[in-house]
């Protein structure tokens, strides 16, 4: 309905040129101050209007210079780099992303550490001595040399998983000593 109403308005619109009876489809601004108000012309008369219309007509040299400078920055305010506090805000933004990145890394580390404790079958409050003792028991049980009678790939992988878990836990103990 709205589309049909708009189409009807366009069809009813006649070219703004006095001597023309064609449909005025093409908009042209009424003046420099009223850029959002339009005359509507047919194709031939809008071409004539565009040839004759000068946006800068009536401006003196100083006003023209101001318009040119505004056009260089797309009519947006600008400052010399480093003079506005916005540059400090950039650093804050980057710091924020670094913090988020570190938080994600720590979450991944904590998740791996949790899984490693589960693999060894001990809780996170265990001491270094308890971790080493538990690793020795599991390593003896699942070592490939101890599994010679059983030709199962899962058993070989189990020893690798236990060893990797042990390395992660030991690394966490050494990192916590460095942080203290």
N, C-alpha and C. Protein backbone atom coordinates (compact mmCIF):
# COMPACT_ATOMS: atom_id res chain seq x y z
N UNK A 1 0.82 -1.20 0.00
CA UNK A 1 0.00 0.00 0.00
C UNK A 1 0.86 1.25 0.00
N UNK A 2 1.85 1.28 0.91
CA UNK A 2 2.72 2.44 1.00
C UNK A 2 3.51 2.61 -0.29
N UNK A 3 3.96 1.48 -0.86
CA UNK A 3 4.71 1.55 -2.10
C UNK A 3 3.84 2.12 -3.21
N UNK A 4 2.60 1.70 -3.27
CA UNK A 4 1.68 2.20 -4.30
C UNK A 4 1.39 3.69 -4.09
N UNK A 5 1.30 4.11 -2.82
CA UNK A 5 1.06 5.52 -2.53
C UNK A 5 2.24 6.38 -2.99
N UNK A 6 3.46 5.86 -2.72
CA UNK A 6 4.66 6.60 -3.15
C UNK A 6 4.72 6.66 -4.67
N UNK A 7 4.41 5.55 -5.31
CA UNK A 7 4.42 5.53 -6.77
C UNK A 7 3.39 6.52 -7.31
N UNK A 8 2.25 6.61 -6.67
CA UNK A 8 1.21 7.54 -7.11
C UNK A 8 1.69 8.98 -6.96
N UNK A 9 2.39 9.27 -5.82
CA UNK A 9 2.93 10.62 -5.62
C UNK A 9 3.92 10.97 -6.72
N UNK A 10 4.77 10.01 -7.07
CA UNK A 10 5.77 10.27 -8.11
C UNK A 10 5.10 10.50 -9.46
N UNK A 11 4.11 9.70 -9.76
CA UNK A 11 3.42 9.85 -11.05
C UNK A 11 2.66 11.17 -11.12
N UNK A 12 2.08 11.60 -10.00
CA UNK A 12 1.33 12.86 -9.97
C UNK A 12 2.25 14.08 -10.01
N UNK A 13 3.53 13.90 -9.67
CA UNK A 13 4.47 15.01 -9.63
C UNK A 13 4.83 15.42 -11.06
N UNK A 14 4.71 16.70 -11.32
CA UNK A 14 5.03 17.23 -12.66
C UNK A 14 6.33 18.00 -12.56
N UNK A 15 7.10 18.00 -13.62
CA UNK A 15 8.38 18.69 -13.68
C UNK A 15 8.21 20.15 -13.24
N UNK A 16 9.16 20.64 -12.42
CA UNK A 16 9.11 22.00 -11.87
C UNK A 16 9.31 23.08 -12.94
N UNK A 17 9.83 22.68 -14.07
CA UNK A 17 10.01 23.66 -15.14
C UNK A 17 8.64 24.05 -15.69
N UNK A 18 8.39 25.37 -15.81
CA UNK A 18 7.07 25.90 -16.19
C UNK A 18 6.60 25.41 -17.56
N UNK A 19 7.55 25.20 -18.47
CA UNK A 19 7.15 24.87 -19.84
C UNK A 19 7.11 23.36 -20.09
N UNK A 20 7.19 22.54 -19.01
CA UNK A 20 7.28 21.09 -19.18
C UNK A 20 6.07 20.41 -18.52
N UNK A 21 5.56 19.37 -19.18
CA UNK A 21 4.43 18.60 -18.65
C UNK A 21 4.81 17.16 -18.32
N UNK A 22 6.12 16.83 -18.33
CA UNK A 22 6.55 15.46 -18.04
C UNK A 22 6.57 15.21 -16.53
N UNK A 23 6.74 13.95 -16.19
CA UNK A 23 6.78 13.56 -14.78
C UNK A 23 8.11 14.00 -14.16
N UNK A 24 8.03 14.62 -12.98
CA UNK A 24 9.24 15.07 -12.28
C UNK A 24 9.73 14.01 -11.30
N UNK A 25 10.67 13.20 -11.72
CA UNK A 25 11.16 12.09 -10.89
C UNK A 25 12.46 12.47 -10.17
N UNK A 26 13.26 13.31 -10.78
CA UNK A 26 14.63 13.55 -10.31
C UNK A 26 14.71 14.75 -9.37
N UNK A 27 15.19 14.52 -8.13
CA UNK A 27 15.26 15.62 -7.17
C UNK A 27 16.49 16.50 -7.39
N UNK A 28 16.33 17.78 -7.08
CA UNK A 28 17.43 18.74 -7.11
C UNK A 28 17.24 19.67 -5.91
N UNK A 29 18.32 19.95 -5.15
CA UNK A 29 18.17 20.77 -3.94
C UNK A 29 17.67 22.17 -4.26
N UNK A 30 16.85 22.70 -3.35
CA UNK A 30 16.29 24.03 -3.57
C UNK A 30 17.33 25.12 -3.40
N UNK A 31 18.21 24.97 -2.43
CA UNK A 31 19.27 25.96 -2.23
C UNK A 31 20.39 25.34 -1.40
N UNK A 32 21.45 26.08 -1.25
CA UNK A 32 22.60 25.64 -0.45
C UNK A 32 22.19 25.44 1.02
N UNK A 33 21.30 26.27 1.52
CA UNK A 33 20.84 26.19 2.91
C UNK A 33 19.76 25.11 3.10
N UNK A 34 19.07 24.75 2.04
CA UNK A 34 17.98 23.77 2.11
C UNK A 34 18.32 22.55 1.26
N UNK A 35 19.36 21.82 1.66
CA UNK A 35 19.80 20.68 0.86
C UNK A 35 18.86 19.48 0.97
N UNK A 36 17.99 19.47 1.95
CA UNK A 36 17.04 18.36 2.11
C UNK A 36 15.67 18.66 1.52
N UNK A 37 15.51 19.84 0.94
CA UNK A 37 14.26 20.19 0.25
C UNK A 37 14.55 20.21 -1.25
N UNK A 38 13.61 19.65 -2.04
CA UNK A 38 13.92 19.43 -3.45
C UNK A 38 12.90 20.02 -4.40
N UNK A 39 13.41 20.36 -5.59
CA UNK A 39 12.60 20.56 -6.78
C UNK A 39 12.66 19.22 -7.49
N UNK A 40 11.58 18.88 -8.22
CA UNK A 40 11.58 17.64 -8.98
C UNK A 40 11.46 17.97 -10.46
N UNK A 41 12.40 17.43 -11.23
CA UNK A 41 12.47 17.71 -12.65
C UNK A 41 12.40 16.42 -13.45
N UNK A 42 12.12 16.57 -14.73
CA UNK A 42 12.26 15.46 -15.67
C UNK A 42 13.76 15.32 -15.97
N UNK A 43 14.13 14.31 -16.68
CA UNK A 43 15.55 14.04 -16.92
C UNK A 43 16.24 15.18 -17.66
N UNK A 44 15.59 15.75 -18.66
CA UNK A 44 16.23 16.83 -19.43
C UNK A 44 16.44 18.08 -18.58
N UNK A 45 15.44 18.43 -17.79
CA UNK A 45 15.54 19.66 -17.00
C UNK A 45 16.44 19.50 -15.77
N UNK A 46 16.56 18.28 -15.22
CA UNK A 46 17.49 18.09 -14.10
C UNK A 46 18.93 18.20 -14.61
N UNK A 47 19.16 17.78 -15.84
CA UNK A 47 20.51 17.93 -16.43
C UNK A 47 20.84 19.42 -16.58
N UNK A 48 19.88 20.19 -17.06
CA UNK A 48 20.09 21.64 -17.19
C UNK A 48 20.32 22.28 -15.82
N UNK A 49 19.53 21.88 -14.82
CA UNK A 49 19.69 22.41 -13.47
C UNK A 49 21.08 22.11 -12.94
N UNK A 50 21.54 20.87 -13.11
CA UNK A 50 22.85 20.47 -12.60
C UNK A 50 23.97 21.25 -13.28
N UNK A 51 23.82 21.55 -14.54
CA UNK A 51 24.84 22.33 -15.24
C UNK A 51 24.91 23.76 -14.71
N UNK A 52 23.77 24.30 -14.33
CA UNK A 52 23.75 25.71 -13.93
C UNK A 52 23.92 25.93 -12.42
N UNK A 53 23.69 24.91 -11.61
CA UNK A 53 23.72 25.08 -10.16
C UNK A 53 25.14 25.00 -9.64
N UNK A 54 25.52 25.97 -8.80
CA UNK A 54 26.84 26.02 -8.21
C UNK A 54 26.69 26.08 -6.69
N UNK A 55 27.10 25.04 -6.03
CA UNK A 55 26.98 24.95 -4.58
C UNK A 55 27.74 26.08 -3.88
N UNK A 56 28.86 26.50 -4.44
CA UNK A 56 29.71 27.51 -3.81
C UNK A 56 29.39 28.94 -4.23
N UNK A 57 28.36 29.13 -5.03
CA UNK A 57 27.99 30.46 -5.50
C UNK A 57 27.63 31.37 -4.33
N UNK A 58 28.18 32.58 -4.32
CA UNK A 58 27.87 33.56 -3.29
C UNK A 58 28.83 33.52 -2.11
N UNK A 59 29.81 32.62 -2.12
CA UNK A 59 30.78 32.57 -1.02
C UNK A 59 31.99 33.44 -1.35
N UNK A 60 32.50 34.12 -0.33
CA UNK A 60 33.74 34.87 -0.55
C UNK A 60 34.92 33.90 -0.39
N UNK A 61 36.12 34.38 -0.57
CA UNK A 61 37.32 33.53 -0.56
C UNK A 61 37.51 32.82 0.79
N UNK A 62 37.26 33.54 1.88
CA UNK A 62 37.45 32.96 3.21
C UNK A 62 36.44 31.84 3.46
N UNK A 63 35.18 32.07 3.11
CA UNK A 63 34.14 31.06 3.29
C UNK A 63 34.42 29.83 2.41
N UNK A 64 34.92 30.08 1.20
CA UNK A 64 35.26 28.99 0.30
C UNK A 64 36.40 28.15 0.88
N UNK A 65 37.41 28.80 1.46
CA UNK A 65 38.53 28.09 2.10
C UNK A 65 38.03 27.22 3.26
N UNK A 66 37.11 27.74 4.05
CA UNK A 66 36.54 26.97 5.16
C UNK A 66 35.82 25.73 4.64
N UNK A 67 35.05 25.88 3.58
CA UNK A 67 34.33 24.75 2.98
C UNK A 67 35.31 23.69 2.46
N UNK A 68 36.39 24.13 1.85
CA UNK A 68 37.38 23.18 1.33
C UNK A 68 38.02 22.41 2.49
N UNK A 69 38.39 23.11 3.56
CA UNK A 69 38.99 22.44 4.72
C UNK A 69 38.02 21.45 5.36
N UNK A 70 36.74 21.81 5.43
CA UNK A 70 35.75 20.89 5.98
C UNK A 70 35.60 19.65 5.10
N UNK A 71 35.70 19.83 3.80
CA UNK A 71 35.55 18.72 2.88
C UNK A 71 36.72 17.73 3.00
N UNK A 72 37.90 18.22 3.34
CA UNK A 72 39.06 17.35 3.48
C UNK A 72 38.85 16.33 4.60
N UNK A 73 38.18 16.72 5.67
CA UNK A 73 37.93 15.82 6.80
C UNK A 73 36.48 15.32 6.80
N UNK A 74 35.84 15.33 5.67
CA UNK A 74 34.45 14.88 5.50
C UNK A 74 33.52 15.61 6.45
N UNK A 75 33.80 16.88 6.66
CA UNK A 75 32.97 17.74 7.50
C UNK A 75 32.88 17.22 8.94
N UNK A 76 33.99 16.60 9.41
CA UNK A 76 34.07 16.09 10.78
C UNK A 76 35.20 16.82 11.50
N UNK A 77 35.09 17.06 12.79
CA UNK A 77 36.17 17.73 13.52
C UNK A 77 37.39 16.81 13.62
N UNK A 78 38.57 17.40 13.62
CA UNK A 78 39.78 16.60 13.76
C UNK A 78 40.77 17.34 14.65
N UNK A 79 41.70 16.58 15.21
CA UNK A 79 42.71 17.14 16.10
C UNK A 79 44.07 16.60 15.68
N UNK A 80 45.11 17.28 16.08
CA UNK A 80 46.44 16.76 15.84
C UNK A 80 46.62 15.50 16.66
N UNK A 81 47.30 14.55 16.10
CA UNK A 81 47.50 13.26 16.78
C UNK A 81 48.26 13.47 18.08
N UNK A 82 47.74 12.92 19.14
CA UNK A 82 48.41 12.99 20.43
C UNK A 82 47.97 14.15 21.31
N UNK A 83 47.05 14.99 20.82
CA UNK A 83 46.64 16.15 21.63
C UNK A 83 45.36 15.91 22.40
N UNK A 84 44.61 14.90 22.02
CA UNK A 84 43.33 14.63 22.69
C UNK A 84 43.47 13.43 23.60
N UNK A 85 42.71 13.38 24.67
CA UNK A 85 42.78 12.25 25.59
C UNK A 85 42.30 10.94 24.96
N UNK A 86 41.75 11.02 23.77
CA UNK A 86 41.27 9.81 23.10
C UNK A 86 42.43 8.84 22.88
N UNK A 87 43.64 9.36 22.68
CA UNK A 87 44.78 8.49 22.47
C UNK A 87 45.06 7.64 23.70
N UNK A 88 44.81 8.19 24.87
CA UNK A 88 44.97 7.41 26.10
C UNK A 88 43.90 6.33 26.17
N UNK A 89 42.74 6.62 25.64
CA UNK A 89 41.67 5.64 25.65
C UNK A 89 42.01 4.44 24.76
N UNK A 90 42.77 4.69 23.69
CA UNK A 90 43.20 3.58 22.85
C UNK A 90 44.05 2.61 23.67
N UNK A 91 44.95 3.15 24.47
CA UNK A 91 45.80 2.30 25.30
C UNK A 91 44.95 1.50 26.29
N UNK A 92 43.94 2.15 26.87
CA UNK A 92 43.05 1.44 27.78
C UNK A 92 42.34 0.30 27.07
N UNK A 93 41.92 0.55 25.84
CA UNK A 93 41.23 -0.48 25.07
C UNK A 93 42.15 -1.67 24.82
N UNK A 94 43.39 -1.38 24.42
CA UNK A 94 44.32 -2.47 24.17
C UNK A 94 44.64 -3.23 25.46
N UNK A 95 44.76 -2.51 26.56
CA UNK A 95 45.00 -3.16 27.85
C UNK A 95 43.83 -4.09 28.20
N UNK A 96 42.62 -3.61 27.92
CA UNK A 96 41.44 -4.42 28.18
C UNK A 96 41.50 -5.74 27.41
N UNK A 97 41.87 -5.65 26.11
CA UNK A 97 41.92 -6.86 25.30
C UNK A 97 43.05 -7.78 25.77
N UNK A 98 44.17 -7.21 26.22
CA UNK A 98 45.25 -8.03 26.76
C UNK A 98 44.79 -8.76 28.02
N UNK A 99 44.04 -8.06 28.86
CA UNK A 99 43.52 -8.69 30.08
C UNK A 99 42.58 -9.84 29.73
N UNK A 100 41.72 -9.60 28.74
CA UNK A 100 40.78 -10.64 28.33
C UNK A 100 41.54 -11.85 27.78
N UNK A 101 42.58 -11.56 26.99
CA UNK A 101 43.38 -12.62 26.39
C UNK A 101 44.06 -13.44 27.49
N UNK A 102 44.62 -12.75 28.49
CA UNK A 102 45.28 -13.44 29.60
C UNK A 102 44.28 -14.25 30.41
N UNK A 103 43.07 -13.70 30.58
CA UNK A 103 42.03 -14.41 31.33
C UNK A 103 41.67 -15.72 30.62
N UNK A 104 41.55 -15.66 29.29
CA UNK A 104 41.22 -16.86 28.53
C UNK A 104 42.36 -17.87 28.63
N UNK A 105 43.61 -17.39 28.52
CA UNK A 105 44.75 -18.29 28.65
C UNK A 105 44.76 -18.98 30.01
N UNK A 106 44.48 -18.20 31.06
CA UNK A 106 44.45 -18.78 32.41
C UNK A 106 43.34 -19.80 32.55
N UNK A 107 42.19 -19.54 31.93
CA UNK A 107 41.08 -20.49 32.00
C UNK A 107 41.46 -21.79 31.31
N UNK A 108 42.15 -21.67 30.16
CA UNK A 108 42.57 -22.86 29.43
C UNK A 108 43.59 -23.63 30.26
N UNK A 109 44.56 -22.90 30.86
CA UNK A 109 45.56 -23.55 31.72
C UNK A 109 44.88 -24.26 32.88
N UNK A 110 43.94 -23.58 33.53
CA UNK A 110 43.24 -24.18 34.68
C UNK A 110 42.45 -25.42 34.26
N UNK A 111 41.85 -25.38 33.08
CA UNK A 111 41.08 -26.53 32.60
C UNK A 111 42.02 -27.72 32.35
N UNK A 112 43.16 -27.44 31.73
CA UNK A 112 44.13 -28.52 31.49
C UNK A 112 44.65 -29.08 32.81
N UNK A 113 44.88 -28.20 33.77
CA UNK A 113 45.37 -28.62 35.07
C UNK A 113 44.32 -29.49 35.78
N UNK A 114 43.07 -29.08 35.72
CA UNK A 114 41.99 -29.88 36.32
C UNK A 114 41.93 -31.27 35.70
N UNK A 115 42.02 -31.31 34.37
CA UNK A 115 41.97 -32.60 33.67
C UNK A 115 43.18 -33.46 34.03
N UNK A 116 44.32 -32.82 34.20
CA UNK A 116 45.54 -33.56 34.56
C UNK A 116 45.41 -34.20 35.94
N UNK A 117 44.85 -33.48 36.90
CA UNK A 117 44.64 -34.05 38.23
C UNK A 117 43.66 -35.23 38.15
N UNK A 118 42.64 -35.12 37.30
CA UNK A 118 41.67 -36.21 37.16
C UNK A 118 42.35 -37.44 36.56
N UNK A 119 43.23 -37.22 35.57
CA UNK A 119 43.93 -38.35 34.94
C UNK A 119 44.76 -39.11 35.97
N UNK A 120 45.44 -38.39 36.85
CA UNK A 120 46.25 -39.05 37.88
C UNK A 120 45.40 -39.56 39.04
N UNK A 121 44.16 -39.14 39.11
CA UNK A 121 43.26 -39.62 40.15
C UNK A 121 43.54 -39.04 41.52
N UNK A 122 43.98 -37.79 41.55
CA UNK A 122 44.26 -37.11 42.82
C UNK A 122 43.55 -35.77 42.82
N UNK A 123 43.42 -35.17 44.02
CA UNK A 123 42.76 -33.87 44.08
C UNK A 123 43.79 -32.74 43.97
N UNK A 124 43.31 -31.52 43.76
CA UNK A 124 44.19 -30.39 43.51
C UNK A 124 44.93 -29.91 44.75
N UNK A 125 44.53 -30.36 45.90
CA UNK A 125 45.20 -29.98 47.15
C UNK A 125 46.42 -30.86 47.42
N UNK A 126 46.70 -31.81 46.54
CA UNK A 126 47.80 -32.74 46.75
C UNK A 126 49.14 -32.01 46.75
N UNK A 127 50.08 -32.57 47.51
CA UNK A 127 51.43 -31.99 47.56
C UNK A 127 52.24 -32.53 46.39
N UNK A 128 53.40 -31.95 46.20
CA UNK A 128 54.30 -32.37 45.13
C UNK A 128 54.72 -33.83 45.34
N UNK A 129 54.97 -34.19 46.57
CA UNK A 129 55.38 -35.56 46.90
C UNK A 129 54.28 -36.55 46.55
N UNK A 130 53.03 -36.20 46.87
CA UNK A 130 51.90 -37.09 46.55
C UNK A 130 51.73 -37.24 45.04
N UNK A 131 51.95 -36.14 44.30
CA UNK A 131 51.83 -36.19 42.83
C UNK A 131 52.88 -37.13 42.27
N UNK A 132 54.12 -36.99 42.74
CA UNK A 132 55.20 -37.84 42.23
C UNK A 132 54.96 -39.31 42.56
N UNK A 133 54.49 -39.58 43.77
CA UNK A 133 54.21 -40.95 44.18
C UNK A 133 53.12 -41.57 43.30
N UNK A 134 52.06 -40.82 43.09
CA UNK A 134 50.94 -41.32 42.27
C UNK A 134 51.39 -41.55 40.83
N UNK A 135 52.23 -40.66 40.29
CA UNK A 135 52.74 -40.82 38.93
C UNK A 135 53.57 -42.10 38.82
N UNK A 136 54.43 -42.35 39.79
CA UNK A 136 55.28 -43.54 39.74
C UNK A 136 54.43 -44.81 39.72
N UNK A 137 53.38 -44.85 40.53
CA UNK A 137 52.49 -46.02 40.57
C UNK A 137 51.84 -46.24 39.21
N UNK A 138 51.29 -45.16 38.64
CA UNK A 138 50.59 -45.26 37.34
C UNK A 138 51.57 -45.56 36.21
N UNK A 139 52.76 -44.97 36.27
CA UNK A 139 53.75 -45.20 35.21
C UNK A 139 54.18 -46.67 35.20
N UNK A 140 54.37 -47.25 36.37
CA UNK A 140 54.75 -48.66 36.43
C UNK A 140 53.63 -49.54 35.87
N UNK A 141 52.41 -49.18 36.19
CA UNK A 141 51.27 -50.00 35.75
C UNK A 141 51.06 -49.91 34.24
N UNK A 142 51.17 -48.69 33.66
CA UNK A 142 50.80 -48.48 32.27
C UNK A 142 51.99 -48.35 31.32
N UNK A 143 53.19 -48.53 31.79
CA UNK A 143 54.36 -48.42 30.92
C UNK A 143 54.29 -49.51 29.84
N UNK A 144 54.67 -49.19 28.60
CA UNK A 144 54.58 -50.19 27.51
C UNK A 144 55.39 -51.46 27.79
N UNK A 145 56.51 -51.35 28.48
CA UNK A 145 57.29 -52.55 28.78
C UNK A 145 56.54 -53.47 29.75
N UNK A 146 55.74 -52.87 30.62
CA UNK A 146 54.96 -53.67 31.56
C UNK A 146 53.74 -54.28 30.88
N UNK A 147 53.40 -53.82 29.71
CA UNK A 147 52.21 -54.26 28.98
C UNK A 147 52.58 -55.16 27.81
N UNK A 148 53.70 -55.88 27.86
CA UNK A 148 54.18 -56.68 26.72
C UNK A 148 53.20 -57.76 26.31
N UNK A 149 52.53 -58.33 27.28
CA UNK A 149 51.60 -59.42 26.96
C UNK A 149 50.36 -58.90 26.25
N UNK A 150 49.99 -57.64 26.51
CA UNK A 150 48.78 -57.08 25.92
C UNK A 150 49.19 -56.18 24.76
N UNK A 151 48.79 -56.52 23.55
CA UNK A 151 49.13 -55.74 22.36
C UNK A 151 48.00 -54.76 22.05
N UNK A 152 47.75 -53.87 22.97
CA UNK A 152 46.64 -52.94 22.83
C UNK A 152 47.17 -51.51 22.73
N UNK A 153 46.78 -50.82 21.67
CA UNK A 153 47.23 -49.43 21.45
C UNK A 153 46.70 -48.49 22.53
N UNK A 154 45.54 -48.78 23.07
CA UNK A 154 44.95 -47.92 24.10
C UNK A 154 45.85 -47.86 25.33
N UNK A 155 46.47 -49.00 25.67
CA UNK A 155 47.35 -49.03 26.83
C UNK A 155 48.59 -48.15 26.61
N UNK A 156 49.12 -48.15 25.39
CA UNK A 156 50.28 -47.30 25.08
C UNK A 156 49.90 -45.83 25.17
N UNK A 157 48.73 -45.50 24.65
CA UNK A 157 48.25 -44.11 24.70
C UNK A 157 47.99 -43.68 26.14
N UNK A 158 47.55 -44.60 26.96
CA UNK A 158 47.26 -44.29 28.36
C UNK A 158 48.53 -43.82 29.08
N UNK A 159 49.66 -44.46 28.80
CA UNK A 159 50.92 -44.04 29.41
C UNK A 159 51.32 -42.63 28.96
N UNK A 160 51.12 -42.34 27.68
CA UNK A 160 51.43 -41.00 27.16
C UNK A 160 50.55 -39.95 27.83
N UNK A 161 49.27 -40.25 28.00
CA UNK A 161 48.33 -39.31 28.64
C UNK A 161 48.75 -39.06 30.08
N UNK A 162 49.12 -40.12 30.79
CA UNK A 162 49.56 -39.98 32.18
C UNK A 162 50.82 -39.13 32.26
N UNK A 163 51.76 -39.36 31.37
CA UNK A 163 53.02 -38.60 31.36
C UNK A 163 52.77 -37.13 31.08
N UNK A 164 51.91 -36.83 30.13
CA UNK A 164 51.60 -35.43 29.80
C UNK A 164 50.90 -34.74 30.96
N UNK A 165 49.99 -35.45 31.60
CA UNK A 165 49.29 -34.87 32.77
C UNK A 165 50.28 -34.55 33.87
N UNK A 166 51.23 -35.48 34.11
CA UNK A 166 52.25 -35.27 35.14
C UNK A 166 53.09 -34.04 34.82
N UNK A 167 53.47 -33.88 33.56
CA UNK A 167 54.28 -32.71 33.16
C UNK A 167 53.53 -31.41 33.42
N UNK A 168 52.24 -31.38 33.11
CA UNK A 168 51.43 -30.17 33.32
C UNK A 168 51.35 -29.83 34.81
N UNK A 169 51.16 -30.84 35.63
CA UNK A 169 51.05 -30.60 37.08
C UNK A 169 52.39 -30.11 37.64
N UNK A 170 53.48 -30.75 37.25
CA UNK A 170 54.81 -30.34 37.73
C UNK A 170 55.10 -28.91 37.29
N UNK A 171 54.73 -28.58 36.06
CA UNK A 171 54.94 -27.21 35.55
C UNK A 171 54.15 -26.21 36.39
N UNK A 172 52.94 -26.57 36.79
CA UNK A 172 52.15 -25.65 37.62
C UNK A 172 52.80 -25.43 38.97
N UNK A 173 53.43 -26.47 39.53
CA UNK A 173 54.13 -26.31 40.82
C UNK A 173 55.32 -25.37 40.67
N UNK A 174 56.08 -25.51 39.58
CA UNK A 174 57.26 -24.64 39.39
C UNK A 174 56.85 -23.21 39.10
N UNK A 175 55.74 -23.02 38.36
CA UNK A 175 55.27 -21.66 38.07
C UNK A 175 54.75 -20.97 39.34
N UNK A 176 54.11 -21.74 40.20
CA UNK A 176 53.60 -21.13 41.44
C UNK A 176 54.75 -20.72 42.35
N UNK A 177 55.87 -21.42 42.32
CA UNK A 177 57.04 -21.02 43.11
C UNK A 177 57.65 -19.74 42.54
N UNK A 178 57.65 -19.59 41.22
CA UNK A 178 58.20 -18.38 40.58
C UNK A 178 57.35 -17.16 40.93
N UNK A 179 56.05 -17.33 40.98
CA UNK A 179 55.14 -16.22 41.26
C UNK A 179 55.21 -15.74 42.71
N UNK A 180 55.70 -16.59 43.62
CA UNK A 180 55.76 -16.22 45.03
C UNK A 180 56.93 -15.38 45.33
